[in-house]
Amino acid sequence: MKLRTSIYLAGLLFANCAVPSYGQAFNAANDTIKISLSEAWHRAEEHSRLIEIKKKAAGIANEEIKDARMERYPEVGIKGSAEKASNIPVYEDGLFSKPTQHEVIHTLYKASADFYLNIYNGNKLNLKIEEDKTLHQISLIEKDQAVSDIHYRTAALYLDLQKSYIFRGLIIQDIADQEKQLNEIRAFYKNGTVLKSDVLRVELELSRRKMTLVTIENDILIVNQKLNIITGEPDERVIVPTDPDTHQDEFAGYEKYLADALQHSFSFHISERQTELSKIHLRQVKANLRPKAGMYGEFYYANPQIFLYPYNPYWYSLGVTGVKVSFPLSELYHNTHKVRAAKLELEKEEEAHKDTEDKVRQQVKEAFLRYKEALVQIGVAEVNVTHAQENARIIRNTYFNQTSLITDLLDADVQVLQTRFELAAAKIMAQNKYYLLQNITGIL
């Protein structure tokens, strides 16, 4: 029993004088806010850099879709040039003889506009748009997953802080009860009905409880800072949780949670979209063997006129339009292994998706059973508290009637405190497992 209770009540004798000033300083904090878990979630969402990154990624993916759609419009360009040309030397008597200079028009100008409209490119543009849409869906799922994860991390810290406050209240009440009991034992000692060692043993246990209070208050400060960081509050701000939320969907069955997971699970749907990407990639590779057709055109002004003979130094214009069709014959052999690789990639993603489904089922089953286990633990802890309190009452009566030892009394008191801690911890753990189950199923 002593080994078990040391987890809660290990400490030093000098804590008797250290606790009062520390507790007063802790309670004197004036920068204090009381928030609910939903408010903590809201603050964490606003402050989370990871969520902001995922939002930016989703925005980028959305712009990629719009950019791919813009490729449906023709490519249009304009250009102009101004050039200087030299005379043309003509070597009538060989390269090593003096040439005669053939006069040409030295200044050339040209301004033109051209366009190309993709009519058909093996359906690659539609596949690119479909691919970008799938990537956008993945980015949205990842953003929702980041929100759910930050919700669970915030809930875990919030519940941990809540548990520390409950422990603090329990230990303070227990210290008050022990001090009252110590006064009674001192009175019995003065009357000569108990030994001095009994008084010393009670004082020792009381000092350990006060040291435990110091540890709990430090735990509060540590968890408080972690919660401040995740919610974007200053480190010095004291967050006080609201009353514990005991509302839990404890009657839902495993099949319901599994159905929710297969409908909302982030990892399951990301894997599903990855499989869709592999299917699109296979279709893109197969499209390499399809013809390409497009309409093109050009209109320009130029000077001099050297399009038709005889040339002359005048401005002229010319417009050309047509249809261009091509077929990549080399892809008949270049594309063979690319298609095989794409098919194998698709098969790999399909197996990975099935593996992800198995993992989701396993995670839901484990989280569901642990949640149910935590609910059972609450009931067990409540019974243990009742038994420990009754046992402590009996031992206390027998001790003051001088029919039991001080060690029995101290052990009984420790059991009461320990079972109360266990009950509080069980209730917090049940809530933690409930939010974990919601996070896994994708509905947190």
Protein backbone atom coordinates (compact mmCIF):
# COMPACT_ATOMS: atom_id res chain seq x y z
CA MET A 1 0.00 0.00 0.00
CA LYS A 2 2.82 2.40 0.83
CA LEU A 3 4.38 1.87 -2.57
CA ARG A 4 1.10 2.60 -4.35
CA THR A 5 0.30 5.73 -2.40
CA SER A 6 3.79 7.18 -2.87
CA ILE A 7 2.75 8.19 -6.39
CA TYR A 8 0.37 10.70 -4.91
CA LEU A 9 1.90 11.57 -1.55
CA ALA A 10 5.71 11.59 -1.88
CA GLY A 11 7.27 14.72 -0.44
CA LEU A 12 9.54 16.39 2.09
CA LEU A 13 9.04 17.49 5.65
CA PHE A 14 9.93 21.12 4.97
CA ALA A 15 6.81 21.51 2.76
CA ASN A 16 4.88 22.32 5.91
CA CYS A 17 6.29 25.83 5.86
CA ALA A 18 6.65 26.24 2.10
CA VAL A 19 3.06 25.69 0.98
CA PRO A 20 1.11 28.60 2.48
CA SER A 21 3.05 31.40 0.81
CA TYR A 22 3.16 29.50 -2.49
CA GLY A 23 -0.55 28.84 -2.54
CA GLN A 24 -1.28 32.48 -1.76
CA ALA A 25 0.94 33.62 -4.61
CA PHE A 26 -0.80 31.20 -6.97
CA ASN A 27 -4.26 32.39 -6.01
CA ALA A 28 -3.22 36.04 -6.21
CA ALA A 29 -2.92 35.94 -10.01
CA ASN A 30 -5.21 38.63 -11.37
CA ASP A 31 -4.75 37.84 -15.09
CA THR A 32 -7.26 34.99 -15.03
CA ILE A 33 -9.85 33.86 -17.56
CA LYS A 34 -12.44 31.12 -17.26
CA ILE A 35 -13.17 29.43 -20.57
CA SER A 36 -15.05 26.38 -21.76
CA LEU A 37 -13.58 23.68 -23.97
CA SER A 38 -15.40 24.99 -27.04
CA GLU A 39 -13.92 28.45 -26.42
CA ALA A 40 -10.47 26.88 -26.09
CA TRP A 41 -11.03 25.12 -29.42
CA HIS A 42 -11.97 28.39 -31.06
CA ARG A 43 -8.89 30.16 -29.73
CA ALA A 44 -6.64 27.26 -30.76
CA GLU A 45 -8.05 27.26 -34.30
CA GLU A 46 -7.42 30.99 -34.66
CA HIS A 47 -3.86 30.71 -33.36
CA SER A 48 -2.73 27.43 -34.96
CA ARG A 49 -0.06 27.97 -37.59
CA LEU A 50 -0.54 24.42 -38.88
CA ILE A 51 -4.20 25.12 -39.66
CA GLU A 52 -3.20 28.36 -41.39
CA ILE A 53 -0.63 26.44 -43.47
CA LYS A 54 -3.27 23.90 -44.48
CA LYS A 55 -5.66 26.71 -45.42
CA LYS A 56 -2.97 28.25 -47.63
CA ALA A 57 -2.33 24.86 -49.22
CA ALA A 58 -6.05 24.50 -49.97
CA GLY A 59 -6.05 27.99 -51.48
CA ILE A 60 -3.08 27.11 -53.67
CA ALA A 61 -4.79 23.92 -54.87
CA ASN A 62 -7.93 25.91 -55.71
CA GLU A 63 -5.88 28.38 -57.77
CA GLU A 64 -4.27 25.45 -59.59
CA ILE A 65 -7.74 24.35 -60.71
CA LYS A 66 -8.50 27.82 -62.03
CA ASP A 67 -5.13 27.96 -63.77
CA ALA A 68 -5.78 24.62 -65.50
CA ARG A 69 -9.19 25.83 -66.67
CA MET A 70 -7.61 28.95 -68.16
CA GLU A 71 -5.64 26.70 -70.51
CA ARG A 72 -8.88 26.16 -72.45
CA TYR A 73 -8.46 29.67 -73.82
CA PRO A 74 -6.15 30.25 -76.80
CA GLU A 75 -2.55 31.30 -76.40
CA VAL A 76 -2.21 34.82 -77.80
CA GLY A 77 0.99 36.78 -78.28
CA ILE A 78 2.28 39.91 -79.92
CA LYS A 79 5.77 40.79 -80.97
CA GLY A 80 7.68 43.33 -83.01
CA SER A 81 11.14 43.77 -84.38
CA ALA A 82 13.34 46.40 -86.00
CA GLU A 83 16.45 45.19 -87.78
CA LYS A 84 19.37 46.58 -89.76
CA ALA A 85 20.83 44.57 -92.63
CA SER A 86 24.17 45.03 -94.37
CA ASN A 87 24.83 44.79 -98.08
CA ILE A 88 25.38 41.34 -99.49
CA PRO A 89 28.98 40.81 -100.65
CA VAL A 90 29.18 38.73 -103.83
CA TYR A 91 32.49 36.97 -104.48
CA GLU A 92 32.41 36.74 -108.27
CA ASP A 93 36.12 35.78 -108.58
CA GLY A 94 36.39 33.52 -105.52
CA LEU A 95 36.55 33.92 -101.76
CA PHE A 96 39.96 35.59 -101.82
CA SER A 97 39.01 38.22 -104.38
CA LYS A 98 37.42 41.57 -103.67
CA PRO A 99 33.65 41.17 -103.62
CA THR A 100 31.12 43.46 -105.15
CA GLN A 101 28.44 44.81 -102.84
CA HIS A 102 24.88 43.96 -103.65
CA GLU A 103 22.59 46.67 -102.40
CA VAL A 104 19.66 45.60 -100.22
CA ILE A 105 17.01 47.38 -98.20
CA HIS A 106 18.83 47.97 -94.93
CA THR A 107 15.99 48.67 -92.46
CA LEU A 108 13.40 46.00 -91.72
CA TYR A 109 10.32 46.35 -89.48
CA LYS A 110 7.78 43.78 -88.42
CA ALA A 111 4.84 43.76 -85.95
CA SER A 112 2.75 40.63 -85.56
CA ALA A 113 0.13 38.86 -83.46
CA ASP A 114 -0.31 35.09 -83.23
CA PHE A 115 -2.53 32.60 -81.44
CA TYR A 116 -2.89 28.87 -80.85
CA LEU A 117 -6.10 27.18 -79.73
CA ASN A 118 -5.87 23.65 -78.41
CA ILE A 119 -8.72 21.67 -79.92
CA TYR A 120 -7.73 18.21 -78.75
CA ASN A 121 -4.69 16.94 -76.87
CA GLY A 122 -5.62 13.41 -75.92
CA ASN A 123 -8.00 14.74 -73.23
CA LYS A 124 -4.94 15.71 -71.17
CA LEU A 125 -6.34 19.10 -70.18
CA ASN A 126 -9.54 17.62 -68.74
CA LEU A 127 -7.46 15.04 -66.90
CA LYS A 128 -5.22 17.81 -65.52
CA ILE A 129 -8.29 19.66 -64.24
CA GLU A 130 -9.62 16.45 -62.68
CA GLU A 131 -6.24 15.83 -61.05
CA ASP A 132 -6.11 19.35 -59.60
CA LYS A 133 -9.65 18.95 -58.24
CA THR A 134 -8.63 15.74 -56.49
CA LEU A 135 -5.55 17.44 -55.03
CA HIS A 136 -7.78 20.26 -53.82
CA GLN A 137 -10.08 17.74 -52.12
CA ILE A 138 -7.04 16.20 -50.41
CA SER A 139 -5.91 19.62 -49.19
CA LEU A 140 -9.37 20.30 -47.74
CA ILE A 141 -9.36 16.94 -45.95
CA GLU A 142 -5.89 17.67 -44.57
CA LYS A 143 -7.10 21.05 -43.34
CA ASP A 144 -10.06 19.43 -41.57
CA GLN A 145 -7.69 16.83 -40.13
CA ALA A 146 -5.45 19.59 -38.78
CA VAL A 147 -8.48 21.20 -37.13
CA SER A 148 -9.53 17.89 -35.60
CA ASP A 149 -6.00 17.17 -34.37
CA ILE A 150 -5.70 20.61 -32.78
CA HIS A 151 -9.09 20.06 -31.16
CA TYR A 152 -7.91 16.82 -29.60
CA ARG A 153 -4.56 18.27 -28.47
CA THR A 154 -6.40 21.22 -26.92
CA ALA A 155 -8.94 18.91 -25.28
CA ALA A 156 -6.15 16.74 -23.84
CA LEU A 157 -4.42 19.76 -22.28
CA TYR A 158 -7.72 21.25 -21.14
CA LEU A 159 -8.75 17.99 -19.45
CA ASP A 160 -5.30 17.62 -17.91
CA LEU A 161 -5.61 21.11 -16.46
CA GLN A 162 -9.11 20.32 -15.30
CA LYS A 163 -7.88 17.16 -13.58
CA SER A 164 -5.10 19.10 -11.82
CA TYR A 165 -7.62 21.60 -10.48
CA ILE A 166 -9.80 18.75 -9.23
CA PHE A 167 -6.80 17.11 -7.57
CA ARG A 168 -5.91 20.47 -6.03
CA GLY A 169 -9.39 20.80 -4.53
CA LEU A 170 -9.28 17.24 -3.22
CA ILE A 171 -5.86 17.62 -1.61
CA ILE A 172 -6.76 20.96 -0.04
CA GLN A 173 -9.90 19.45 1.47
CA ASP A 174 -7.93 16.42 2.62
CA ILE A 175 -5.28 18.64 4.22
CA ALA A 176 -8.01 20.47 6.10
CA ASP A 177 -9.47 17.15 7.27
CA GLN A 178 -6.04 15.87 8.32
CA GLU A 179 -5.29 19.04 10.24
CA LYS A 180 -8.58 18.67 12.09
CA GLN A 181 -7.76 15.03 12.82
CA LEU A 182 -4.25 16.02 13.95
CA ASN A 183 -5.73 18.44 16.47
CA GLU A 184 -7.89 15.64 17.86
CA ILE A 185 -4.89 13.30 18.15
CA ARG A 186 -2.87 16.03 19.87
CA ALA A 187 -5.71 16.45 22.33
CA PHE A 188 -5.67 12.68 23.01
CA TYR A 189 -1.88 12.86 23.40
CA LYS A 190 -2.22 15.57 26.04
CA ASN A 191 -4.66 13.34 27.86
CA GLY A 192 -2.12 10.52 27.65
CA THR A 193 -4.30 8.17 25.61
CA VAL A 194 -2.03 8.05 22.51
CA LEU A 195 1.71 8.02 22.01
CA LYS A 196 3.94 10.87 20.80
CA SER A 197 4.86 8.68 17.81
CA ASP A 198 1.24 8.80 16.69
CA VAL A 199 1.34 12.59 16.57
CA LEU A 200 4.63 12.53 14.67
CA ARG A 201 3.30 10.02 12.13
CA VAL A 202 0.24 12.15 11.42
CA GLU A 203 2.37 15.28 11.11
CA LEU A 204 4.64 13.45 8.67
CA GLU A 205 1.71 12.37 6.49
CA LEU A 206 0.31 15.90 6.62
CA SER A 207 3.67 17.30 5.41
CA ARG A 208 3.65 14.84 2.53
CA ARG A 209 0.18 15.95 1.53
CA LYS A 210 1.30 19.58 1.55
CA MET A 211 4.24 18.69 -0.66
CA THR A 212 1.82 16.91 -2.97
CA LEU A 213 -0.15 20.17 -3.14
CA VAL A 214 3.02 21.97 -4.26
CA THR A 215 3.50 19.37 -7.00
CA ILE A 216 -0.10 19.69 -8.16
CA GLU A 217 0.11 23.48 -8.29
CA ASN A 218 3.29 23.20 -10.34
CA ASP A 219 1.46 20.78 -12.63
CA ILE A 220 -1.26 23.39 -13.04
CA LEU A 221 1.26 26.07 -14.00
CA ILE A 222 3.03 23.77 -16.48
CA VAL A 223 -0.15 22.59 -18.21
CA ASN A 224 -1.53 26.12 -18.09
CA GLN A 225 1.44 27.41 -20.08
CA LYS A 226 1.08 24.61 -22.65
CA LEU A 227 -2.58 25.51 -23.06
CA ASN A 228 -1.69 29.20 -23.32
CA ILE A 229 0.76 28.45 -26.12
CA ILE A 230 -1.70 26.38 -28.12
CA THR A 231 -4.49 28.97 -27.68
CA GLY A 232 -2.27 31.99 -28.29
CA GLU A 233 -2.60 33.45 -24.81
CA PRO A 234 0.28 35.07 -22.86
CA ASP A 235 2.31 32.67 -20.75
CA GLU A 236 1.37 34.48 -17.54
CA ARG A 237 -2.38 34.22 -18.10
CA VAL A 238 -4.17 31.77 -15.82
CA ILE A 239 -6.80 29.65 -17.53
CA VAL A 240 -9.50 28.19 -15.31
CA PRO A 241 -11.60 25.43 -16.93
CA THR A 242 -15.32 25.44 -16.49
CA ASP A 243 -17.11 22.64 -14.68
CA PRO A 244 -16.35 19.18 -16.11
CA ASP A 245 -18.56 18.16 -19.03
CA THR A 246 -19.98 14.73 -18.25
CA HIS A 247 -22.06 14.51 -21.45
CA GLN A 248 -20.75 11.56 -23.42
CA ASP A 249 -22.30 9.38 -26.10
CA GLU A 250 -21.82 6.26 -24.04
CA PHE A 251 -24.68 4.32 -25.61
CA ALA A 252 -23.41 4.38 -29.20
CA GLY A 253 -22.28 1.00 -30.45
CA TYR A 254 -19.10 0.02 -32.24
CA GLU A 255 -20.90 -0.36 -35.58
CA LYS A 256 -22.03 3.26 -35.44
CA TYR A 257 -18.52 4.52 -34.74
CA LEU A 258 -17.13 2.34 -37.53
CA ALA A 259 -19.74 3.66 -39.97
CA ASP A 260 -18.87 7.22 -38.94
CA ALA A 261 -15.17 6.50 -39.45
CA LEU A 262 -15.67 5.07 -42.94
CA GLN A 263 -17.72 8.13 -43.78
CA HIS A 264 -15.60 10.82 -42.11
CA SER A 265 -12.14 9.40 -41.30
CA PHE A 266 -9.46 11.69 -42.67
CA SER A 267 -6.82 9.05 -43.37
CA PHE A 268 -9.40 6.81 -45.07
CA HIS A 269 -10.60 9.56 -47.41
CA ILE A 270 -7.08 10.81 -48.14
CA SER A 271 -6.15 7.25 -49.14
CA GLU A 272 -9.29 7.11 -51.26
CA ARG A 273 -8.29 10.31 -53.09
CA GLN A 274 -4.74 9.01 -53.57
CA THR A 275 -6.21 5.99 -55.35
CA GLU A 276 -8.22 8.34 -57.57
CA LEU A 277 -5.01 10.21 -58.42
CA SER A 278 -3.39 6.95 -59.53
CA LYS A 279 -6.35 6.22 -61.78
CA ILE A 280 -6.09 9.67 -63.33
CA HIS A 281 -2.34 9.25 -63.78
CA LEU A 282 -2.91 5.98 -65.66
CA ARG A 283 -5.36 7.74 -67.99
CA GLN A 284 -2.86 10.56 -68.50
CA VAL A 285 -0.13 8.11 -69.51
CA LYS A 286 -2.46 6.36 -71.94
CA ALA A 287 -3.31 9.77 -73.45
CA ASN A 288 0.29 10.10 -74.64
CA LEU A 289 -0.65 7.83 -77.57
CA ARG A 290 -3.48 10.04 -78.81
CA PRO A 291 -3.33 12.64 -81.60
CA LYS A 292 -3.03 16.36 -81.01
CA ALA A 293 -5.00 18.96 -82.94
CA GLY A 294 -5.08 22.74 -82.71
CA MET A 295 -5.92 25.89 -84.60
CA TYR A 296 -3.24 28.50 -85.15
CA GLY A 297 -3.01 31.86 -86.85
CA GLU A 298 -0.74 34.85 -87.39
CA PHE A 299 -1.25 38.36 -88.69
CA TYR A 300 1.54 40.83 -89.22
CA TYR A 301 2.64 44.11 -90.76
CA ALA A 302 6.13 44.24 -92.24
CA ASN A 303 8.45 46.54 -94.16
CA PRO A 304 10.06 45.97 -96.69
CA GLN A 305 7.97 43.65 -98.79
CA ILE A 306 10.13 40.59 -99.35
CA PHE A 307 7.36 38.05 -99.35
CA LEU A 308 6.84 38.21 -103.14
CA TYR A 309 9.26 39.08 -105.87
CA PRO A 310 10.10 41.79 -106.90
CA TYR A 311 10.87 43.20 -103.46
CA ASN A 312 10.03 46.79 -102.62
CA PRO A 313 10.48 49.12 -99.58
CA TYR A 314 6.77 49.35 -98.76
CA TRP A 315 4.60 48.22 -95.85
CA TYR A 316 2.48 45.14 -96.36
CA SER A 317 0.31 42.86 -94.22
CA LEU A 318 -0.35 39.15 -94.20
CA GLY A 319 -2.70 36.89 -92.24
CA VAL A 320 -2.34 33.13 -91.95
CA THR A 321 -4.64 30.67 -90.18
CA GLY A 322 -4.93 26.91 -90.20
CA VAL A 323 -5.31 23.65 -88.34
CA LYS A 324 -2.36 21.59 -87.14
CA VAL A 325 -2.67 17.86 -86.44
CA SER A 326 0.07 15.60 -85.16
CA PHE A 327 0.41 12.01 -83.95
CA PRO A 328 3.31 10.85 -81.73
CA LEU A 329 4.34 7.62 -83.47
CA SER A 330 7.31 7.13 -81.11
CA GLU A 331 4.91 6.77 -78.18
CA LEU A 332 3.88 3.40 -79.63
CA TYR A 333 7.04 1.99 -78.04
CA HIS A 334 8.07 4.74 -75.61
CA ASN A 335 4.77 4.59 -73.72
CA THR A 336 4.61 0.82 -73.12
CA HIS A 337 6.55 0.71 -69.85
CA LYS A 338 5.04 3.97 -68.66
CA VAL A 339 1.57 2.39 -68.86
CA ARG A 340 2.77 -0.72 -67.01
CA ALA A 341 4.34 1.40 -64.27
CA ALA A 342 1.14 3.44 -63.94
CA LYS A 343 -0.95 0.26 -63.63
CA LEU A 344 1.36 -1.09 -60.93
CA GLU A 345 1.14 2.26 -59.13
CA LEU A 346 -2.65 2.04 -59.20
CA GLU A 347 -2.59 -1.51 -57.84
CA LYS A 348 -0.22 -0.37 -55.08
CA GLU A 349 -2.54 2.50 -54.09
CA GLU A 350 -5.55 0.16 -54.07
CA GLU A 351 -3.73 -2.16 -51.67
CA ALA A 352 -2.65 0.83 -49.57
CA HIS A 353 -6.27 1.98 -49.41
CA LYS A 354 -7.37 -1.46 -48.18
CA ASP A 355 -4.56 -1.36 -45.61
CA THR A 356 -5.72 2.07 -44.46
CA GLU A 357 -9.26 0.76 -44.08
CA ASP A 358 -7.95 -2.10 -41.92
CA LYS A 359 -6.02 0.36 -39.76
CA VAL A 360 -9.06 2.60 -39.36
CA ARG A 361 -11.16 -0.36 -38.24
CA GLN A 362 -8.48 -1.39 -35.78
CA GLN A 363 -8.07 2.15 -34.41
CA VAL A 364 -11.82 2.58 -34.01
CA LYS A 365 -12.12 -0.79 -32.25
CA GLU A 366 -9.26 -0.02 -29.87
CA ALA A 367 -10.45 3.50 -29.09
CA PHE A 368 -14.03 2.26 -28.61
CA LEU A 369 -12.97 -0.47 -26.18
CA ARG A 370 -10.69 1.89 -24.26
CA TYR A 371 -13.54 4.37 -24.00
CA LYS A 372 -15.89 1.70 -22.69
CA GLU A 373 -13.17 0.56 -20.33
CA ALA A 374 -12.86 4.10 -18.98
CA LEU A 375 -16.61 4.22 -18.39
CA VAL A 376 -16.44 0.96 -16.44
CA GLN A 377 -13.50 2.35 -14.48
CA ILE A 378 -15.67 5.27 -13.35
CA GLY A 379 -18.18 2.88 -11.85
CA VAL A 380 -15.44 0.85 -10.16
CA ALA A 381 -13.82 4.02 -8.81
CA GLU A 382 -17.13 5.26 -7.40
CA VAL A 383 -17.61 1.97 -5.53
CA ASN A 384 -14.01 2.12 -4.29
CA VAL A 385 -14.56 5.63 -2.93
CA THR A 386 -17.63 4.46 -1.03
CA HIS A 387 -15.78 1.47 0.40
CA ALA A 388 -12.71 3.52 1.29
CA GLN A 389 -14.79 6.14 3.08
CA GLU A 390 -16.67 3.52 5.04
CA ASN A 391 -13.43 1.74 5.89
CA ALA A 392 -11.87 5.03 7.04
CA ARG A 393 -14.90 5.76 9.22
CA ILE A 394 -14.66 2.36 10.90
CA ILE A 395 -10.90 2.57 11.42
CA ARG A 396 -11.19 6.08 12.80
CA ASN A 397 -13.75 4.98 15.37
CA THR A 398 -11.67 1.97 16.38
CA TYR A 399 -8.49 4.05 16.60
CA PHE A 400 -9.99 6.62 18.92
CA ASN A 401 -11.43 3.71 20.89
CA GLN A 402 -7.84 2.42 21.07
CA THR A 403 -8.56 -0.85 19.26
CA SER A 404 -6.51 -0.15 16.09
CA LEU A 405 -3.10 1.30 15.30
CA ILE A 406 -2.16 4.70 13.91
CA THR A 407 -0.80 2.94 10.79
CA ASP A 408 -4.26 1.53 10.13
CA LEU A 409 -5.76 5.00 10.44
CA LEU A 410 -3.19 6.58 8.13
CA ASP A 411 -3.57 3.80 5.55
CA ALA A 412 -7.34 4.23 5.59
CA ASP A 413 -7.02 7.99 5.07
CA VAL A 414 -4.57 7.45 2.22
CA GLN A 415 -6.98 4.98 0.60
CA VAL A 416 -9.75 7.56 0.72
CA LEU A 417 -7.58 10.20 -0.94
CA GLN A 418 -6.23 7.75 -3.50
CA THR A 419 -9.69 6.47 -4.50
CA ARG A 420 -10.92 10.04 -4.86
CA PHE A 421 -7.97 10.79 -7.11
CA GLU A 422 -8.67 7.65 -9.10
CA LEU A 423 -12.32 8.58 -9.53
CA ALA A 424 -11.45 12.07 -10.75
CA ALA A 425 -8.77 10.66 -13.07
CA ALA A 426 -11.20 8.04 -14.41
CA LYS A 427 -13.78 10.68 -15.28
CA ILE A 428 -11.18 12.82 -17.06
CA MET A 429 -9.76 9.77 -18.85
CA ALA A 430 -13.23 8.80 -20.09
CA GLN A 431 -13.65 12.24 -21.61
CA ASN A 432 -10.18 12.04 -23.15
CA LYS A 433 -10.95 8.65 -24.72
CA TYR A 434 -14.27 9.99 -25.97
CA TYR A 435 -12.59 12.88 -27.79
CA LEU A 436 -9.89 10.54 -29.10
CA LEU A 437 -12.60 8.28 -30.53
CA GLN A 438 -14.24 11.28 -32.16
CA ASN A 439 -10.91 12.37 -33.60
CA ILE A 440 -10.28 8.94 -35.09
CA THR A 441 -13.75 8.77 -36.60
CA GLY A 442 -13.31 12.28 -38.03
CA ILE A 443 -16.22 14.00 -36.28
CA LEU A 444 -14.39 16.00 -33.60
